[in-house]
Amino acid sequence: MKKEEIEQLRIGDFHYDLPDGRIAKYPVEPRDASKLLVYSGRTITTAVFRDLPAFLPPESLLVFNNTRVIHARLLFRKPTGAVVEVFCLSPLVPEEYNVNFQQRERCAWSCMIGNAKRWKDESLQMEVASPAGSLTLVARRKGTCPSGVAVEFSWNDPSFTFSEVLEFAGKLPIPPYLNRASEEKDDETYQTVYSHVEGSVAAPTAGLHFTAGVMEKLRQKGLSTVEVTLHVGAGTFKPVKSPTIGGHGMHTECLSVSRDAIASLLAHNGKTIVVGTTSLRTVESLYYIGAKLYRRPDALPHELSVSQWEPYEPDEEIPPKAALQSILDYLDRHGEEQLISATQILIAPGYRFRYADALVTNFHQPESTLLLLISAFVGDDWRQIYRYALDNGFRFLSYGDSSLLWRE
């Protein structure tokens, strides 16, 4: 489909009735006891998630997003008693996540501010206790930035990194549609068992069903795995308010993929099973990054990011493996082991998939860009899939049940 046709898609056509009682407020225990809907060859069946490996062909490759959710919510109490929430979205100074998290005196982030009218020009302070001692965290407004308010953080004990400051000072953000405060057990249940790269403000929830036992079953079956990183931003919950998709602006998220992971994708000839919509957005973004480098090997890093409408612009089709090879060549020329870029990709009906054969994913909100992605993957059968899930007691959204969707 052409860009103009995609822009005219009506978001109301991706509606279904989701009763509040079907939204899972907490995960099942153990997490791999959740239900699994299997869609294959237009047939739908019910299974248990721990049995996922049995539904995957030999020599399959699974792609996981290894991002870890940070304690992004900082609640500062003013002397008046007013509480101002500073929600960390993405690093500004230094701009790279791993470098920013290692700062020991100060750093700056793009933030959302709750109760903003209570915070003028004064600095906010918070006394932070930790097993290693206490410190004072200070926040100062530094103006606006494209994605929010620029906030500089400083603290009075250089023995703490900013990563540690957030861990002790902040609260874990959980999805707003859960309509409850975060609890101590969310620190475990709202992280995947393979998460280890800090940076997200929301979990890649398809991965929440995996346990060490399921991962071991994958290994025993001889299935391969690779990890990519896409730091999930708060924009993932941004509702589509325009009547057509053309009026919706996609959020930008930072991605990072190792040379080894790209080489594994390039060498793989079996089925590729992508775990979660964030992993899917990452691997599909690789195609457009690689296509740019195929056409322009001297492209600069800031030119590699993927824009919202890029998949629907007319251009010469590049073989998917040639695109991956172009990224490897680029990394070799620059002596880099990691591709770091950003994506704003919108995957909607009419999108052409290059790498994903199957998708492991939860059930998504009505009239959301994630539901558009599901429709792009399975076509109009998304309605049949979601009706089956509603009729058969599946739980929805972040802490809900899972599905394995095979692309036709």
Protein backbone atom coordinates (compact mmCIF):
# COMPACT_ATOMS: atom_id res chain seq x y z
CA MET A 1 0.00 0.00 0.00
CA LYS A 2 1.09 3.56 -0.65
CA LYS A 3 1.73 6.09 2.10
CA GLU A 4 -1.45 7.99 1.20
CA GLU A 5 -3.53 4.84 1.67
CA ILE A 6 -1.93 4.06 5.05
CA GLU A 7 -2.56 7.61 6.23
CA GLN A 8 -6.27 7.22 5.50
CA LEU A 9 -6.69 4.10 7.66
CA ARG A 10 -9.36 4.85 10.27
CA ILE A 11 -8.38 4.01 13.81
CA GLY A 12 -12.04 3.30 14.59
CA ASP A 13 -11.80 0.25 12.35
CA PHE A 14 -9.43 -1.26 14.93
CA HIS A 15 -11.85 -1.16 17.83
CA TYR A 16 -13.13 -4.01 19.95
CA ASP A 17 -14.91 -4.01 23.29
CA LEU A 18 -12.51 -4.73 26.16
CA PRO A 19 -14.29 -5.03 29.52
CA ASP A 20 -12.25 -3.70 32.44
CA GLY A 21 -12.55 -7.07 34.13
CA ARG A 22 -10.50 -8.68 31.33
CA ILE A 23 -7.49 -6.42 31.98
CA ALA A 24 -5.02 -8.37 34.12
CA LYS A 25 -4.02 -6.31 37.16
CA TYR A 26 -1.42 -8.87 38.26
CA PRO A 27 0.42 -11.71 36.48
CA VAL A 28 -0.31 -15.38 37.03
CA GLU A 29 2.16 -17.33 39.19
CA PRO A 30 4.29 -18.94 38.01
CA ARG A 31 4.56 -16.66 35.01
CA ASP A 32 4.86 -19.52 32.48
CA ALA A 33 1.46 -20.86 33.62
CA SER A 34 -0.25 -18.15 31.57
CA LYS A 35 -2.44 -19.15 28.65
CA LEU A 36 -0.99 -19.26 25.14
CA LEU A 37 -3.14 -18.70 22.07
CA VAL A 38 -1.60 -20.34 19.00
CA TYR A 39 -2.62 -18.98 15.59
CA SER A 40 -1.29 -21.00 12.66
CA GLY A 41 -2.71 -21.60 9.20
CA ARG A 42 -5.79 -19.57 10.21
CA THR A 43 -6.47 -22.12 12.97
CA ILE A 44 -6.61 -21.06 16.63
CA THR A 45 -5.91 -23.31 19.61
CA THR A 46 -5.32 -22.85 23.35
CA ALA A 47 -2.17 -24.02 25.14
CA VAL A 48 -0.07 -23.13 28.19
CA PHE A 49 2.90 -20.84 27.75
CA ARG A 50 5.42 -23.29 29.26
CA ASP A 51 4.74 -25.48 26.21
CA LEU A 52 5.74 -22.77 23.72
CA PRO A 53 8.91 -24.62 22.56
CA ALA A 54 6.75 -27.51 21.32
CA PHE A 55 5.12 -25.17 18.78
CA LEU A 56 8.41 -23.92 17.31
CA PRO A 57 10.10 -25.70 14.39
CA PRO A 58 13.62 -27.08 14.74
CA GLU A 59 16.39 -24.66 13.80
CA SER A 60 14.24 -21.64 14.68
CA LEU A 61 15.83 -18.41 15.88
CA LEU A 62 14.19 -16.42 18.68
CA VAL A 63 14.79 -12.68 19.08
CA PHE A 64 14.48 -11.18 22.58
CA ASN A 65 14.52 -7.56 23.73
CA ASN A 66 16.89 -7.46 26.72
CA THR A 67 15.97 -3.97 27.95
CA ARG A 68 15.38 -3.48 31.68
CA VAL A 69 12.83 -1.14 33.23
CA ILE A 70 14.31 1.62 35.37
CA HIS A 71 12.86 3.28 38.48
CA ALA A 72 11.87 6.26 36.35
CA ARG A 73 9.30 7.89 38.68
CA LEU A 74 10.87 10.38 41.11
CA LEU A 75 8.51 11.92 43.67
CA PHE A 76 9.82 15.16 45.17
CA ARG A 77 7.99 16.65 48.17
CA LYS A 78 8.23 20.43 48.51
CA PRO A 79 8.37 22.18 51.92
CA THR A 80 4.71 23.13 51.34
CA GLY A 81 3.79 19.45 51.18
CA ALA A 82 3.05 19.51 47.44
CA VAL A 83 4.41 16.49 45.53
CA VAL A 84 5.98 16.97 42.11
CA GLU A 85 6.57 13.86 39.99
CA VAL A 86 9.59 13.90 37.68
CA PHE A 87 9.28 11.03 35.20
CA CYS A 88 12.58 10.26 33.45
CA LEU A 89 12.01 9.56 29.75
CA SER A 90 15.38 9.59 27.99
CA PRO A 91 18.92 10.85 28.68
CA LEU A 92 20.06 14.25 27.41
CA VAL A 93 23.55 14.82 28.88
CA PRO A 94 25.31 12.49 28.31
CA GLU A 95 23.00 11.25 25.56
CA GLU A 96 23.99 7.57 25.57
CA TYR A 97 22.12 5.49 28.13
CA ASN A 98 25.06 3.46 29.41
CA VAL A 99 27.27 6.55 29.78
CA ASN A 100 24.54 8.56 31.50
CA PHE A 101 23.82 5.80 34.01
CA GLN A 102 27.50 5.77 35.01
CA GLN A 103 27.65 9.49 35.89
CA ARG A 104 28.67 10.16 39.49
CA GLU A 105 27.86 13.84 40.07
CA ARG A 106 25.28 15.14 37.62
CA CYS A 107 23.39 14.39 34.42
CA ALA A 108 20.35 15.65 32.52
CA TRP A 109 17.22 13.89 31.24
CA SER A 110 14.16 14.65 29.21
CA CYS A 111 11.26 14.28 31.64
CA MET A 112 7.51 14.49 32.03
CA ILE A 113 6.41 16.56 35.01
CA GLY A 114 3.40 15.73 37.13
CA ASN A 115 1.83 18.59 39.10
CA ALA A 116 4.01 20.90 37.00
CA LYS A 117 2.20 24.06 38.15
CA ARG A 118 3.73 23.53 41.61
CA TRP A 119 7.29 23.64 40.24
CA LYS A 120 8.53 27.04 39.13
CA ASP A 121 12.23 27.94 39.09
CA GLU A 122 13.30 26.55 42.45
CA SER A 123 15.30 23.35 42.81
CA LEU A 124 13.68 20.23 44.25
CA GLN A 125 15.43 18.06 46.81
CA MET A 126 15.00 14.51 48.03
CA GLU A 127 16.78 12.66 50.79
CA VAL A 128 17.58 9.18 49.54
CA ALA A 129 18.37 6.23 51.79
CA SER A 130 20.20 3.13 50.61
CA PRO A 131 22.04 0.20 52.22
CA ALA A 132 25.30 1.94 51.26
CA GLY A 133 24.37 5.24 52.92
CA SER A 134 22.25 8.31 52.30
CA LEU A 135 22.51 11.14 49.79
CA THR A 136 20.66 14.25 48.65
CA LEU A 137 19.26 14.30 45.12
CA VAL A 138 18.59 17.71 43.55
CA ALA A 139 16.50 18.40 40.42
CA ARG A 140 16.61 21.67 38.46
CA ARG A 141 14.50 22.64 35.44
CA LYS A 142 16.59 23.62 32.43
CA GLY A 143 13.88 24.54 29.94
CA THR A 144 12.05 22.45 27.39
CA CYS A 145 13.30 19.86 24.91
CA PRO A 146 11.58 18.13 21.98
CA SER A 147 10.19 15.27 24.07
CA GLY A 148 9.48 17.03 27.36
CA VAL A 149 11.18 19.14 30.03
CA ALA A 150 14.97 19.16 30.42
CA VAL A 151 15.88 18.38 34.03
CA GLU A 152 19.38 18.38 35.51
CA PHE A 153 20.01 15.99 38.38
CA SER A 154 22.89 16.30 40.84
CA TRP A 155 23.74 14.46 44.04
CA ASN A 156 26.23 14.97 46.83
CA ASP A 157 27.92 11.57 46.98
CA PRO A 158 30.07 10.57 43.97
CA SER A 159 30.28 7.00 45.22
CA PHE A 160 26.81 6.51 43.67
CA THR A 161 26.22 6.24 39.92
CA PHE A 162 23.02 7.71 38.53
CA SER A 163 21.82 4.16 37.92
CA GLU A 164 22.13 3.50 41.64
CA VAL A 165 20.51 6.83 42.49
CA LEU A 166 17.45 5.91 40.42
CA GLU A 167 17.33 2.43 41.92
CA PHE A 168 17.07 3.82 45.46
CA ALA A 169 15.24 7.10 44.82
CA GLY A 170 12.72 6.19 42.14
CA LYS A 171 9.69 3.99 41.75
CA LEU A 172 9.07 1.43 39.02
CA PRO A 173 6.54 2.73 36.48
CA ILE A 174 3.71 0.35 35.67
CA PRO A 175 1.13 0.87 32.90
CA PRO A 176 -1.49 3.55 33.67
CA TYR A 177 -4.35 1.26 32.65
CA LEU A 178 -3.65 -1.01 35.64
CA ASN A 179 -5.19 1.74 37.79
CA ARG A 180 -3.12 0.87 40.84
CA ALA A 181 0.08 1.93 42.53
CA SER A 182 3.24 -0.05 41.92
CA GLU A 183 4.02 -2.67 44.55
CA GLU A 184 7.26 -4.22 45.72
CA LYS A 185 6.61 -7.45 43.82
CA ASP A 186 6.31 -5.50 40.53
CA ASP A 187 10.07 -5.01 40.74
CA GLU A 188 10.35 -8.70 39.88
CA THR A 189 7.20 -9.49 37.91
CA TYR A 190 7.45 -6.42 35.63
CA GLN A 191 10.94 -7.40 34.44
CA THR A 192 11.78 -10.18 32.01
CA VAL A 193 14.10 -12.89 33.31
CA TYR A 194 16.65 -11.97 30.62
CA SER A 195 16.58 -8.17 31.09
CA HIS A 196 19.97 -6.62 31.78
CA VAL A 197 20.32 -3.38 29.77
CA GLU A 198 18.80 -0.49 31.70
CA GLY A 199 16.75 2.14 29.94
CA SER A 200 13.03 1.37 29.53
CA VAL A 201 10.12 3.04 31.27
CA ALA A 202 7.80 0.17 30.26
CA ALA A 203 8.49 -3.55 30.02
CA PRO A 204 8.57 -5.50 26.74
CA THR A 205 5.66 -7.46 28.14
CA ALA A 206 5.62 -10.42 25.74
CA GLY A 207 8.80 -11.55 27.47
CA LEU A 208 7.25 -11.55 30.95
CA HIS A 209 5.97 -15.12 30.41
CA PHE A 210 9.43 -16.65 29.98
CA THR A 211 11.04 -18.47 32.89
CA ALA A 212 14.38 -20.18 33.33
CA GLY A 213 12.54 -23.44 32.69
CA VAL A 214 11.14 -22.28 29.34
CA MET A 215 14.55 -20.93 28.31
CA GLU A 216 16.06 -24.32 29.16
CA LYS A 217 13.45 -26.10 27.02
CA LEU A 218 14.43 -23.85 24.11
CA ARG A 219 18.08 -24.83 24.58
CA GLN A 220 17.26 -28.53 24.86
CA LYS A 221 15.36 -28.35 21.57
CA GLY A 222 18.42 -26.79 19.93
CA LEU A 223 16.75 -23.47 19.17
CA SER A 224 18.98 -20.41 18.80
CA THR A 225 18.44 -17.06 20.48
CA VAL A 226 19.72 -13.53 19.95
CA GLU A 227 19.19 -10.36 21.96
CA VAL A 228 18.46 -6.87 20.72
CA THR A 229 17.83 -3.74 22.77
CA LEU A 230 15.01 -1.29 22.28
CA HIS A 231 14.35 1.00 25.24
CA VAL A 232 10.60 1.25 25.54
CA GLY A 233 9.39 4.81 26.01
CA ALA A 234 6.25 6.21 27.63
CA GLY A 235 5.01 6.94 24.11
CA THR A 236 4.11 3.27 23.79
CA PHE A 237 0.96 4.17 25.80
CA LYS A 238 0.21 7.26 23.69
CA PRO A 239 -3.38 6.94 22.45
CA VAL A 240 -4.29 7.57 18.84
CA LYS A 241 -6.53 10.65 19.06
CA SER A 242 -6.82 11.45 15.36
CA PRO A 243 -9.58 9.75 13.32
CA THR A 244 -7.04 8.51 10.76
CA ILE A 245 -3.50 7.19 11.20
CA GLY A 246 -2.07 10.06 9.19
CA GLY A 247 -2.70 12.42 12.09
CA HIS A 248 -0.82 10.34 14.66
CA GLY A 249 2.83 10.97 15.45
CA MET A 250 4.80 7.89 16.47
CA HIS A 251 7.21 8.10 19.39
CA THR A 252 10.95 7.63 18.89
CA GLU A 253 12.82 4.88 20.74
CA CYS A 254 16.52 4.11 21.04
CA LEU A 255 17.73 0.77 19.68
CA SER A 256 21.01 -1.05 20.00
CA VAL A 257 21.98 -4.28 18.24
CA SER A 258 25.33 -6.03 18.50
CA ARG A 259 27.40 -7.05 15.52
CA ASP A 260 27.05 -10.69 16.60
CA ALA A 261 23.25 -10.47 16.68
CA ILE A 262 23.13 -8.96 13.18
CA ALA A 263 25.52 -11.65 11.93
CA SER A 264 23.26 -14.33 13.45
CA LEU A 265 20.20 -12.89 11.70
CA LEU A 266 22.12 -12.78 8.43
CA ALA A 267 23.38 -16.37 8.68
CA HIS A 268 20.03 -17.81 9.80
CA ASN A 269 17.99 -19.72 7.20
CA GLY A 270 15.25 -21.18 9.38
CA LYS A 271 12.18 -19.58 10.91
CA THR A 272 12.61 -16.37 12.90
CA ILE A 273 10.33 -15.98 15.93
CA VAL A 274 10.30 -12.48 17.36
CA VAL A 275 9.37 -12.06 21.03
CA GLY A 276 7.32 -8.91 21.44
CA THR A 277 6.35 -5.91 19.36
CA THR A 278 9.47 -4.02 20.50
CA SER A 279 11.75 -6.76 19.17
CA LEU A 280 9.71 -6.78 15.96
CA ARG A 281 10.06 -3.01 15.54
CA THR A 282 13.80 -3.38 16.11
CA VAL A 283 14.53 -6.16 13.62
CA GLU A 284 12.31 -4.60 10.96
CA SER A 285 14.03 -1.23 11.49
CA LEU A 286 17.32 -2.97 10.68
CA TYR A 287 16.09 -3.41 7.13
CA TYR A 288 15.66 0.33 6.58
CA ILE A 289 18.95 1.17 8.26
CA GLY A 290 20.72 -1.41 6.11
CA ALA A 291 18.97 -0.24 2.95
CA LYS A 292 20.27 3.30 3.55
CA LEU A 293 23.80 1.98 4.00
CA TYR A 294 23.45 -0.22 0.90
CA ARG A 295 22.63 2.88 -1.15
CA ARG A 296 24.92 5.26 0.73
CA PRO A 297 27.77 3.49 2.56
CA ASP A 298 29.09 6.87 3.77
CA ALA A 299 25.83 7.81 5.55
CA LEU A 300 26.38 9.54 8.90
CA PRO A 301 25.08 7.98 12.15
CA HIS A 302 22.30 10.55 12.61
CA GLU A 303 21.05 9.76 9.09
CA LEU A 304 20.40 6.11 9.93
CA SER A 305 17.40 6.55 12.24
CA VAL A 306 14.12 5.22 10.85
CA SER A 307 11.23 7.66 10.42
CA GLN A 308 7.54 6.89 10.86
CA TRP A 309 6.58 6.80 7.19
CA GLU A 310 9.83 5.43 5.74
CA PRO A 311 8.40 1.95 5.06
CA TYR A 312 5.73 3.43 2.81
CA GLU A 313 7.89 5.74 0.70
CA PRO A 314 8.55 4.45 -2.84
CA ASP A 315 12.12 3.21 -3.15
CA GLU A 316 14.17 0.45 -4.70
CA GLU A 317 13.73 -2.88 -2.89
CA ILE A 318 16.97 -4.13 -1.34
CA PRO A 319 17.37 -7.86 -0.56
CA PRO A 320 16.90 -8.24 3.23
CA LYS A 321 20.17 -10.12 3.66
CA ALA A 322 22.01 -7.44 1.66
CA ALA A 323 20.65 -4.85 4.09
CA LEU A 324 22.04 -6.77 7.07
CA GLN A 325 25.38 -7.23 5.33
CA SER A 326 25.54 -3.47 4.71
CA ILE A 327 25.20 -2.86 8.45
CA LEU A 328 28.00 -5.32 9.20
CA ASP A 329 30.22 -3.62 6.61
CA TYR A 330 29.42 -0.24 8.18
CA LEU A 331 30.34 -1.48 11.67
CA ASP A 332 33.58 -2.98 10.34
CA ARG A 333 34.57 0.27 8.63
CA HIS A 334 34.03 2.19 11.84
CA GLY A 335 35.50 -0.42 14.18
CA GLU A 336 32.22 -0.70 16.10
CA GLU A 337 30.71 -3.76 17.75
CA GLN A 338 27.30 -2.19 18.28
CA LEU A 339 24.78 -0.47 16.02
CA ILE A 340 23.15 2.35 17.99
CA SER A 341 20.31 4.23 16.35
CA ALA A 342 16.65 5.17 16.81
CA THR A 343 13.35 4.22 15.25
CA GLN A 344 9.97 5.84 14.85
CA ILE A 345 8.71 3.07 12.59
CA LEU A 346 4.95 2.65 12.18
CA ILE A 347 3.93 -0.89 11.27
CA ALA A 348 0.39 -0.83 9.92
CA PRO A 349 -1.68 -2.89 7.46
CA GLY A 350 0.14 -2.79 4.15
CA TYR A 351 3.57 -3.12 5.74
CA ARG A 352 5.94 -5.66 4.14
CA PHE A 353 7.80 -7.79 6.72
CA ARG A 354 11.39 -8.77 5.93
CA TYR A 355 12.59 -10.91 8.83
CA ALA A 356 9.81 -12.08 11.15
CA ASP A 357 7.95 -15.36 10.52
CA ALA A 358 6.16 -15.54 13.86
CA LEU A 359 5.44 -13.19 16.76
CA VAL A 360 5.04 -13.91 20.46
CA THR A 361 2.90 -11.12 21.90
CA ASN A 362 0.24 -10.21 24.46
CA PHE A 363 -3.21 -8.82 23.67
CA HIS A 364 -3.25 -5.08 23.04
CA GLN A 365 -5.54 -2.13 23.63
CA PRO A 366 -8.30 -1.25 21.17
CA GLU A 367 -7.50 1.50 18.67
CA SER A 368 -3.77 1.40 19.44
CA THR A 369 -0.74 1.39 17.15
CA LEU A 370 0.14 -2.02 18.60
CA LEU A 371 -3.16 -3.40 17.32
CA LEU A 372 -2.32 -1.89 13.91
CA LEU A 373 0.92 -3.89 14.04
CA ILE A 374 -1.00 -7.10 14.82
CA SER A 375 -3.34 -6.42 11.90
CA ALA A 376 -0.33 -5.89 9.64
CA PHE A 377 1.03 -9.27 10.75
CA VAL A 378 -2.07 -11.48 10.54
CA GLY A 379 -4.45 -9.39 8.43
CA ASP A 380 -8.14 -9.15 9.24
CA ASP A 381 -7.85 -12.39 11.22
CA TRP A 382 -6.92 -10.21 14.21
CA ARG A 383 -10.66 -9.86 14.84
CA GLN A 384 -11.14 -13.63 14.96
CA ILE A 385 -8.08 -14.00 17.22
CA TYR A 386 -9.25 -11.36 19.69
CA ARG A 387 -12.83 -12.67 19.69
CA TYR A 388 -11.49 -16.16 20.47
CA ALA A 389 -9.38 -14.73 23.30
CA LEU A 390 -12.35 -12.88 24.79
CA ASP A 391 -14.64 -15.91 24.47
CA ASN A 392 -12.10 -18.29 26.03
CA GLY A 393 -11.09 -16.44 29.17
CA PHE A 394 -7.76 -14.96 28.07
CA ARG A 395 -6.43 -12.05 30.15
CA PHE A 396 -5.43 -8.85 28.33
CA LEU A 397 -2.67 -6.22 28.25
CA SER A 398 0.69 -6.09 30.04
CA TYR A 399 0.13 -8.69 32.76
CA GLY A 400 -2.23 -10.74 30.60
CA ASP A 401 -1.88 -13.92 28.60
CA SER A 402 0.17 -14.49 25.45
CA SER A 403 -0.15 -15.56 21.85
CA LEU A 404 2.02 -17.14 19.17
CA LEU A 405 1.05 -15.71 15.79
CA TRP A 406 2.35 -17.19 12.55
CA ARG A 407 2.45 -14.90 9.56
CA GLU A 408 0.85 -16.18 6.38
